[in-house]
PDB file of N, CA and C in Angstrom:
ATOM      1  N   UNK A   1       0.818  -1.197   0.000  1.00  0.00           N
ATOM      2  CA  UNK A   1       0.000   0.000   0.000  1.00  0.00           C
ATOM      3  C   UNK A   1       0.859   1.258   0.000  1.00  0.00           C
ATOM      4  N   UNK A   2       1.898   1.267   0.800  1.00  0.00           N
ATOM      5  CA  UNK A   2       2.761   2.434   0.911  1.00  0.00           C
ATOM      6  C   UNK A   2       3.384   2.791  -0.437  1.00  0.00           C
ATOM      7  N   UNK A   3       3.857   1.792  -1.154  1.00  0.00           N
ATOM      8  CA  UNK A   3       4.489   2.036  -2.437  1.00  0.00           C
ATOM      9  C   UNK A   3       3.493   2.540  -3.465  1.00  0.00           C
ATOM     10  N   UNK A   4       2.263   2.054  -3.449  1.00  0.00           N
ATOM     11  CA  UNK A   4       1.240   2.510  -4.374  1.00  0.00           C
ATOM     12  C   UNK A   4       0.930   3.983  -4.132  1.00  0.00           C
ATOM     13  N   UNK A   5       0.782   4.378  -2.883  1.00  0.00           N
ATOM     14  CA  UNK A   5       0.526   5.779  -2.562  1.00  0.00           C
ATOM     15  C   UNK A   5       1.682   6.638  -3.039  1.00  0.00           C
ATOM     16  N   UNK A   6       2.890   6.170  -2.825  1.00  0.00           N
ATOM     17  CA  UNK A   6       4.093   6.874  -3.246  1.00  0.00           C
ATOM     18  C   UNK A   6       4.066   7.143  -4.747  1.00  0.00           C
ATOM     19  N   UNK A   7       3.771   6.137  -5.556  1.00  0.00           N
ATOM     20  CA  UNK A   7       3.816   6.304  -7.006  1.00  0.00           C
ATOM     21  C   UNK A   7       2.700   7.215  -7.503  1.00  0.00           C
ATOM     22  N   UNK A   8       1.501   7.105  -6.937  1.00  0.00           N
ATOM     23  CA  UNK A   8       0.395   7.967  -7.360  1.00  0.00           C
ATOM     24  C   UNK A   8       0.629   9.416  -6.951  1.00  0.00           C
ATOM     25  N   UNK A   9       1.123   9.627  -5.768  1.00  0.00           N
ATOM     26  CA  UNK A   9       1.404  10.982  -5.304  1.00  0.00           C
ATOM     27  C   UNK A   9       2.508  11.618  -6.134  1.00  0.00           C
ATOM     28  N   UNK A  10       3.575  10.881  -6.377  1.00  0.00           N
ATOM     29  CA  UNK A  10       4.675  11.402  -7.186  1.00  0.00           C
ATOM     30  C   UNK A  10       4.202  11.726  -8.599  1.00  0.00           C
ATOM     31  N   UNK A  11       3.404  10.867  -9.180  1.00  0.00           N
ATOM     32  CA  UNK A  11       2.850  11.107 -10.525  1.00  0.00           C
ATOM     33  C   UNK A  11       2.032  12.391 -10.540  1.00  0.00           C
ATOM     34  N   UNK A  12       1.137  12.534  -9.574  1.00  0.00           N
ATOM     35  CA  UNK A  12       0.284  13.721  -9.523  1.00  0.00           C
ATOM     36  C   UNK A  12       1.076  15.004  -9.328  1.00  0.00           C
ATOM     37  N   UNK A  13       2.106  14.962  -8.493  1.00  0.00           N
ATOM     38  CA  UNK A  13       2.947  16.138  -8.285  1.00  0.00           C
ATOM     39  C   UNK A  13       3.727  16.500  -9.542  1.00  0.00           C
ATOM     40  N   UNK A  14       4.257  15.496 -10.227  1.00  0.00           N
ATOM     41  CA  UNK A  14       5.000  15.753 -11.463  1.00  0.00           C
ATOM     42  C   UNK A  14       4.087  16.347 -12.531  1.00  0.00           C
ATOM     43  N   UNK A  15       2.903  15.791 -12.678  1.00  0.00           N
ATOM     44  CA  UNK A  15       1.963  16.303 -13.681  1.00  0.00           C
ATOM     45  C   UNK A  15       1.473  17.706 -13.326  1.00  0.00           C
ATOM     46  N   UNK A  16       1.412  18.024 -12.041  1.00  0.00           N
ATOM     47  CA  UNK A  16       0.986  19.356 -11.608  1.00  0.00           C
ATOM     48  C   UNK A  16       2.063  20.407 -11.863  1.00  0.00           C
ATOM     49  N   UNK A  17       3.303  19.959 -12.041  1.00  0.00           N
ATOM     50  CA  UNK A  17       4.378  20.877 -12.380  1.00  0.00           C
ATOM     51  C   UNK A  17       5.038  21.559 -11.194  1.00  0.00           C
ATOM     52  N   UNK A  18       5.109  20.872 -10.053  1.00  0.00           N
ATOM     53  CA  UNK A  18       5.839  21.459  -8.923  1.00  0.00           C
ATOM     54  C   UNK A  18       7.303  21.649  -9.322  1.00  0.00           C
ATOM     55  N   UNK A  19       8.021  22.476  -8.587  1.00  0.00           N
ATOM     56  CA  UNK A  19       9.412  22.776  -8.937  1.00  0.00           C
ATOM     57  C   UNK A  19      10.315  21.544  -8.858  1.00  0.00           C
ATOM     58  N   UNK A  20      10.163  20.771  -7.776  1.00  0.00           N
ATOM     59  CA  UNK A  20      11.023  19.596  -7.607  1.00  0.00           C
ATOM     60  C   UNK A  20      10.353  18.559  -6.709  1.00  0.00           C
ATOM     61  N   UNK A  21      10.776  17.313  -6.890  1.00  0.00           N
ATOM     62  CA  UNK A  21      10.303  16.187  -6.096  1.00  0.00           C
ATOM     63  C   UNK A  21      11.514  15.378  -5.675  1.00  0.00           C
ATOM     64  N   UNK A  22      11.578  15.035  -4.409  1.00  0.00           N
ATOM     65  CA  UNK A  22      12.611  14.124  -3.922  1.00  0.00           C
ATOM     66  C   UNK A  22      11.925  12.848  -3.466  1.00  0.00           C
ATOM     67  N   UNK A  23      12.321  11.737  -4.056  1.00  0.00           N
ATOM     68  CA  UNK A  23      11.778  10.435  -3.688  1.00  0.00           C
ATOM     69  C   UNK A  23      12.664   9.822  -2.614  1.00  0.00           C
ATOM     70  N   UNK A  24      12.066   9.412  -1.501  1.00  0.00           N
ATOM     71  CA  UNK A  24      12.833   8.770  -0.440  1.00  0.00           C
ATOM     72  C   UNK A  24      12.379   7.324  -0.304  1.00  0.00           C
ATOM     73  N   UNK A  25      13.315   6.417  -0.441  1.00  0.00           N
ATOM     74  CA  UNK A  25      13.047   4.995  -0.219  1.00  0.00           C
ATOM     75  C   UNK A  25      14.384   4.305  -0.039  1.00  0.00           C
ATOM     76  N   UNK A  26      14.508   3.539   1.018  1.00  0.00           N
ATOM     77  CA  UNK A  26      15.755   2.836   1.285  1.00  0.00           C
ATOM     78  C   UNK A  26      15.693   1.382   0.847  1.00  0.00           C
ATOM     79  N   UNK A  27      14.520   0.929   0.398  1.00  0.00           N
ATOM     80  CA  UNK A  27      14.356  -0.469   0.021  1.00  0.00           C
ATOM     81  C   UNK A  27      14.615  -0.727  -1.445  1.00  0.00           C
ATOM     82  N   UNK A  28      14.834  -1.994  -1.763  1.00  0.00           N
ATOM     83  CA  UNK A  28      15.046  -2.415  -3.144  1.00  0.00           C
ATOM     84  C   UNK A  28      13.771  -3.018  -3.714  1.00  0.00           C
ATOM     85  N   UNK A  29      13.652  -2.946  -5.022  1.00  0.00           N
ATOM     86  CA  UNK A  29      12.486  -3.488  -5.716  1.00  0.00           C
ATOM     87  C   UNK A  29      12.464  -5.003  -5.564  1.00  0.00           C
ATOM     88  N   UNK A  30      11.294  -5.515  -5.173  1.00  0.00           N
ATOM     89  CA  UNK A  30      11.054  -6.948  -5.096  1.00  0.00           C
ATOM     90  C   UNK A  30       9.909  -7.276  -6.048  1.00  0.00           C
ATOM     91  N   UNK A  31       9.731  -8.543  -6.340  1.00  0.00           N
ATOM     92  CA  UNK A  31       8.709  -8.960  -7.293  1.00  0.00           C
ATOM     93  C   UNK A  31       7.327  -8.409  -6.927  1.00  0.00           C
ATOM     94  N   UNK A  32       6.955  -8.452  -5.650  1.00  0.00           N
ATOM     95  CA  UNK A  32       5.626  -8.000  -5.237  1.00  0.00           C
ATOM     96  C   UNK A  32       5.416  -6.515  -5.489  1.00  0.00           C
ATOM     97  N   UNK A  33       6.504  -5.723  -5.580  1.00  0.00           N
ATOM     98  CA  UNK A  33       6.384  -4.284  -5.844  1.00  0.00           C
ATOM     99  C   UNK A  33       5.801  -4.004  -7.228  1.00  0.00           C
ATOM    100  N   UNK A  34       5.974  -4.936  -8.151  1.00  0.00           N
ATOM    101  CA  UNK A  34       5.540  -4.718  -9.537  1.00  0.00           C
ATOM    102  C   UNK A  34       4.030  -4.586  -9.648  1.00  0.00           C
ATOM    103  N   UNK A  35       3.289  -5.170  -8.727  1.00  0.00           N
ATOM    104  CA  UNK A  35       1.832  -5.089  -8.791  1.00  0.00           C
ATOM    105  C   UNK A  35       1.295  -3.782  -8.218  1.00  0.00           C
ATOM    106  N   UNK A  36       2.100  -3.049  -7.503  1.00  0.00           N
ATOM    107  CA  UNK A  36       1.619  -1.850  -6.852  1.00  0.00           C
ATOM    108  C   UNK A  36       2.245  -0.561  -7.327  1.00  0.00           C
ATOM    109  N   UNK A  37       3.160  -0.627  -8.269  1.00  0.00           N
ATOM    110  CA  UNK A  37       3.834   0.580  -8.742  1.00  0.00           C
ATOM    111  C   UNK A  37       4.020   0.486 -10.250  1.00  0.00           C
ATOM    112  N   UNK A  38       3.306   1.335 -10.966  1.00  0.00           N
ATOM    113  CA  UNK A  38       3.342   1.285 -12.428  1.00  0.00           C
ATOM    114  C   UNK A  38       4.624   1.842 -13.024  1.00  0.00           C
ATOM    115  N   UNK A  39       5.522   2.400 -12.204  1.00  0.00           N
ATOM    116  CA  UNK A  39       6.811   2.876 -12.693  1.00  0.00           C
ATOM    117  C   UNK A  39       7.864   1.763 -12.738  1.00  0.00           C
ATOM    118  N   UNK A  40       7.577   0.614 -12.153  1.00  0.00           N
ATOM    119  CA  UNK A  40       8.564  -0.452 -12.026  1.00  0.00           C
ATOM    120  C   UNK A  40       8.327  -1.579 -13.011  1.00  0.00           C
ATOM    121  N   UNK A  41       9.422  -2.254 -13.393  1.00  0.00           N
ATOM    122  CA  UNK A  41       9.338  -3.429 -14.256  1.00  0.00           C
ATOM    123  C   UNK A  41      10.249  -4.521 -13.686  1.00  0.00           C
ATOM    124  N   UNK A  42      10.186  -5.692 -14.286  1.00  0.00           N
ATOM    125  CA  UNK A  42      11.037  -6.797 -13.816  1.00  0.00           C
ATOM    126  C   UNK A  42      12.512  -6.445 -13.887  1.00  0.00           C
ATOM    127  N   UNK A  43      12.899  -5.599 -14.817  1.00  0.00           N
ATOM    128  CA  UNK A  43      14.304  -5.186 -14.941  1.00  0.00           C
ATOM    129  C   UNK A  43      14.784  -4.400 -13.720  1.00  0.00           C
ATOM    130  N   UNK A  44      13.857  -3.864 -12.938  1.00  0.00           N
ATOM    131  CA  UNK A  44      14.211  -3.055 -11.771  1.00  0.00           C
ATOM    132  C   UNK A  44      14.417  -3.867 -10.500  1.00  0.00           C
ATOM    133  N   UNK A  45      14.090  -5.139 -10.510  1.00  0.00           N
ATOM    134  CA  UNK A  45      14.222  -5.971  -9.310  1.00  0.00           C
ATOM    135  C   UNK A  45      15.676  -5.933  -8.818  1.00  0.00           C
ATOM    136  N   UNK A  46      15.815  -5.638  -7.529  1.00  0.00           N
ATOM    137  CA  UNK A  46      17.142  -5.526  -6.916  1.00  0.00           C
ATOM    138  C   UNK A  46      17.674  -4.106  -6.857  1.00  0.00           C
ATOM    139  N   UNK A  47      17.103  -3.188  -7.633  1.00  0.00           N
ATOM    140  CA  UNK A  47      17.520  -1.782  -7.607  1.00  0.00           C
ATOM    141  C   UNK A  47      16.756  -1.055  -6.502  1.00  0.00           C
ATOM    142  N   UNK A  48      17.292   0.051  -6.069  1.00  0.00           N
ATOM    143  CA  UNK A  48      16.588   0.874  -5.096  1.00  0.00           C
ATOM    144  C   UNK A  48      15.282   1.360  -5.723  1.00  0.00           C
ATOM    145  N   UNK A  49      14.185   1.308  -4.967  1.00  0.00           N
ATOM    146  CA  UNK A  49      12.865   1.675  -5.504  1.00  0.00           C
ATOM    147  C   UNK A  49      12.794   3.119  -5.966  1.00  0.00           C
ATOM    148  N   UNK A  50      13.331   4.050  -5.193  1.00  0.00           N
ATOM    149  CA  UNK A  50      13.281   5.463  -5.579  1.00  0.00           C
ATOM    150  C   UNK A  50      14.071   5.702  -6.859  1.00  0.00           C
ATOM    151  N   UNK A  51      15.253   5.141  -6.927  1.00  0.00           N
ATOM    152  CA  UNK A  51      16.107   5.306  -8.112  1.00  0.00           C
ATOM    153  C   UNK A  51      15.441   4.682  -9.337  1.00  0.00           C
ATOM    154  N   UNK A  52      14.832   3.520  -9.157  1.00  0.00           N
ATOM    155  CA  UNK A  52      14.193   2.829 -10.276  1.00  0.00           C
ATOM    156  C   UNK A  52      13.017   3.620 -10.845  1.00  0.00           C
ATOM    157  N   UNK A  53      12.357   4.417 -10.033  1.00  0.00           N
ATOM    158  CA  UNK A  53      11.188   5.188 -10.488  1.00  0.00           C
ATOM    159  C   UNK A  53      11.561   6.522 -11.128  1.00  0.00           C
ATOM    160  N   UNK A  54      12.745   7.008 -10.897  1.00  0.00           N
ATOM    161  CA  UNK A  54      13.115   8.365 -11.276  1.00  0.00           C
ATOM    162  C   UNK A  54      12.981   8.637 -12.773  1.00  0.00           C
ATOM    163  N   UNK A  55      13.530   7.800 -13.614  1.00  0.00           N
ATOM    164  CA  UNK A  55      13.524   8.068 -15.060  1.00  0.00           C
ATOM    165  C   UNK A  55      12.102   8.103 -15.629  1.00  0.00           C
ATOM    166  N   UNK A  56      11.278   7.156 -15.237  1.00  0.00           N
ATOM    167  CA  UNK A  56       9.906   7.126 -15.759  1.00  0.00           C
ATOM    168  C   UNK A  56       9.084   8.288 -15.221  1.00  0.00           C
ATOM    169  N   UNK A  57       9.322   8.660 -13.985  1.00  0.00           N
ATOM    170  CA  UNK A  57       8.632   9.809 -13.421  1.00  0.00           C
ATOM    171  C   UNK A  57       9.078  11.090 -14.127  1.00  0.00           C
ATOM    172  N   UNK A  58      10.347  11.192 -14.431  1.00  0.00           N
ATOM    173  CA  UNK A  58      10.880  12.371 -15.117  1.00  0.00           C
ATOM    174  C   UNK A  58      10.260  12.541 -16.499  1.00  0.00           C
ATOM    175  N   UNK A  59       9.937  11.435 -17.165  1.00  0.00           N
ATOM    176  CA  UNK A  59       9.314  11.490 -18.483  1.00  0.00           C
ATOM    177  C   UNK A  59       7.956  12.190 -18.466  1.00  0.00           C
ATOM    178  N   UNK A  60       7.290  12.195 -17.333  1.00  0.00           N
ATOM    179  CA  UNK A  60       5.974  12.835 -17.236  1.00  0.00           C
ATOM    180  C   UNK A  60       6.055  14.350 -17.351  1.00  0.00           C
ATOM    181  N   UNK A  61       7.162  14.925 -16.860  1.00  0.00           N
ATOM    182  CA  UNK A  61       7.307  16.376 -16.901  1.00  0.00           C
ATOM    183  C   UNK A  61       8.783  16.734 -16.747  1.00  0.00           C
ATOM    184  N   UNK A  62       9.418  17.085 -17.856  1.00  0.00           N
ATOM    185  CA  UNK A  62      10.846  17.419 -17.816  1.00  0.00           C
ATOM    186  C   UNK A  62      11.140  18.721 -17.090  1.00  0.00           C
ATOM    187  N   UNK A  63      10.115  19.526 -16.825  1.00  0.00           N
ATOM    188  CA  UNK A  63      10.322  20.793 -16.122  1.00  0.00           C
ATOM    189  C   UNK A  63      10.460  20.595 -14.616  1.00  0.00           C
ATOM    190  N   UNK A  64      10.111  19.422 -14.120  1.00  0.00           N
ATOM    191  CA  UNK A  64      10.197  19.125 -12.685  1.00  0.00           C
ATOM    192  C   UNK A  64      11.517  18.417 -12.401  1.00  0.00           C
ATOM    193  N   UNK A  65      12.259  18.913 -11.440  1.00  0.00           N
ATOM    194  CA  UNK A  65      13.523  18.287 -11.031  1.00  0.00           C
ATOM    195  C   UNK A  65      13.208  17.109 -10.111  1.00  0.00           C
ATOM    196  N   UNK A  66      13.594  15.914 -10.516  1.00  0.00           N
ATOM    197  CA  UNK A  66      13.362  14.704  -9.732  1.00  0.00           C
ATOM    198  C   UNK A  66      14.698  14.252  -9.137  1.00  0.00           C
ATOM    199  N   UNK A  67      14.742  14.087  -7.821  1.00  0.00           N
ATOM    200  CA  UNK A  67      15.954  13.591  -7.167  1.00  0.00           C
ATOM    201  C   UNK A  67      15.566  12.475  -6.200  1.00  0.00           C
ATOM    202  N   UNK A  68      16.570  11.795  -5.678  1.00  0.00           N
ATOM    203  CA  UNK A  68      16.312  10.685  -4.765  1.00  0.00           C
ATOM    204  C   UNK A  68      17.124  10.843  -3.486  1.00  0.00           C
ATOM    205  N   UNK A  69      16.604  10.262  -2.444  1.00  0.00           N
ATOM    206  CA  UNK A  69      17.290  10.172  -1.162  1.00  0.00           C
ATOM    207  C   UNK A  69      17.141   8.732  -0.714  1.00  0.00           C
ATOM    208  N   UNK A  70      18.260   8.031  -0.596  1.00  0.00           N
ATOM    209  CA  UNK A  70      18.208   6.591  -0.318  1.00  0.00           C
ATOM    210  C   UNK A  70      18.840   6.224   1.022  1.00  0.00           C
ATOM    211  N   UNK A  71      19.003   7.209   1.872  1.00  0.00           N
ATOM    212  CA  UNK A  71      19.580   6.968   3.194  1.00  0.00           C
ATOM    213  C   UNK A  71      18.571   7.383   4.266  1.00  0.00           C
ATOM    214  N   UNK A  72      18.899   7.140   5.515  1.00  0.00           N
ATOM    215  CA  UNK A  72      18.019   7.524   6.614  1.00  0.00           C
ATOM    216  C   UNK A  72      17.708   9.012   6.563  1.00  0.00           C
ATOM    217  N   UNK A  73      16.452   9.355   6.853  1.00  0.00           N
ATOM    218  CA  UNK A  73      16.075  10.757   6.959  1.00  0.00           C
ATOM    219  C   UNK A  73      16.606  11.337   8.256  1.00  0.00           C
ATOM    220  N   UNK A  74      17.143  12.525   8.164  1.00  0.00           N
ATOM    221  CA  UNK A  74      17.616  13.232   9.351  1.00  0.00           C
ATOM    222  C   UNK A  74      16.910  14.584   9.407  1.00  0.00           C
ATOM    223  N   UNK A  75      17.028  15.252  10.527  1.00  0.00           N
ATOM    224  CA  UNK A  75      16.468  16.602  10.632  1.00  0.00           C
ATOM    225  C   UNK A  75      17.096  17.531   9.602  1.00  0.00           C
ATOM    226  N   UNK A  76      18.369  17.326   9.320  1.00  0.00           N
ATOM    227  CA  UNK A  76      19.052  18.151   8.315  1.00  0.00           C
ATOM    228  C   UNK A  76      18.419  17.952   6.939  1.00  0.00           C
ATOM    229  N   UNK A  77      18.144  16.688   6.567  1.00  0.00           N
ATOM    230  CA  UNK A  77      17.484  16.435   5.299  1.00  0.00           C
ATOM    231  C   UNK A  77      16.117  17.107   5.247  1.00  0.00           C
ATOM    232  N   UNK A  78      15.333  16.900   6.285  1.00  0.00           N
ATOM    233  CA  UNK A  78      13.959  17.414   6.315  1.00  0.00           C
ATOM    234  C   UNK A  78      13.907  18.936   6.305  1.00  0.00           C
ATOM    235  N   UNK A  79      14.907  19.583   6.856  1.00  0.00           N
ATOM    236  CA  UNK A  79      14.914  21.058   6.914  1.00  0.00           C
ATOM    237  C   UNK A  79      15.061  21.687   5.520  1.00  0.00           C
ATOM    238  N   UNK A  80      15.455  20.903   4.538  1.00  0.00           N
ATOM    239  CA  UNK A  80      15.641  21.427   3.168  1.00  0.00           C
ATOM    240  C   UNK A  80      14.341  21.439   2.374  1.00  0.00           C
ATOM    241  N   UNK A  81      13.271  20.830   2.904  1.00  0.00           N
ATOM    242  CA  UNK A  81      12.019  20.708   2.170  1.00  0.00           C
ATOM    243  C   UNK A  81      10.964  21.662   2.685  1.00  0.00           C
ATOM    244  N   UNK A  82      10.092  22.099   1.781  1.00  0.00           N
ATOM    245  CA  UNK A  82       8.962  22.941   2.170  1.00  0.00           C
ATOM    246  C   UNK A  82       7.763  22.082   2.572  1.00  0.00           C
ATOM    247  N   UNK A  83       7.599  20.923   1.918  1.00  0.00           N
ATOM    248  CA  UNK A  83       6.488  20.018   2.203  1.00  0.00           C
ATOM    249  C   UNK A  83       7.037  18.599   2.260  1.00  0.00           C
ATOM    250  N   UNK A  84       6.603  17.837   3.272  1.00  0.00           N
ATOM    251  CA  UNK A  84       7.027  16.435   3.400  1.00  0.00           C
ATOM    252  C   UNK A  84       5.813  15.550   3.499  1.00  0.00           C
TER     253      UNK A  84
END
């Protein structure tokens, strides 16, 4: 469920044209992820989920800067964002 919400929210934000999106996920793509995230394919299994989604998400809107964060969230990381 968490991954599905992540992909739909990221898609909607990219299509809305926000300035930038940072995807945070420390996990790797597993087979079960393919049923809940339309940005992933079998070729992505074993890759970090956020990194695997970046290119396809970027295709939706090249004007939006898409970045990833694949490590633990810290207060320093969170202080750089306007909305989390």
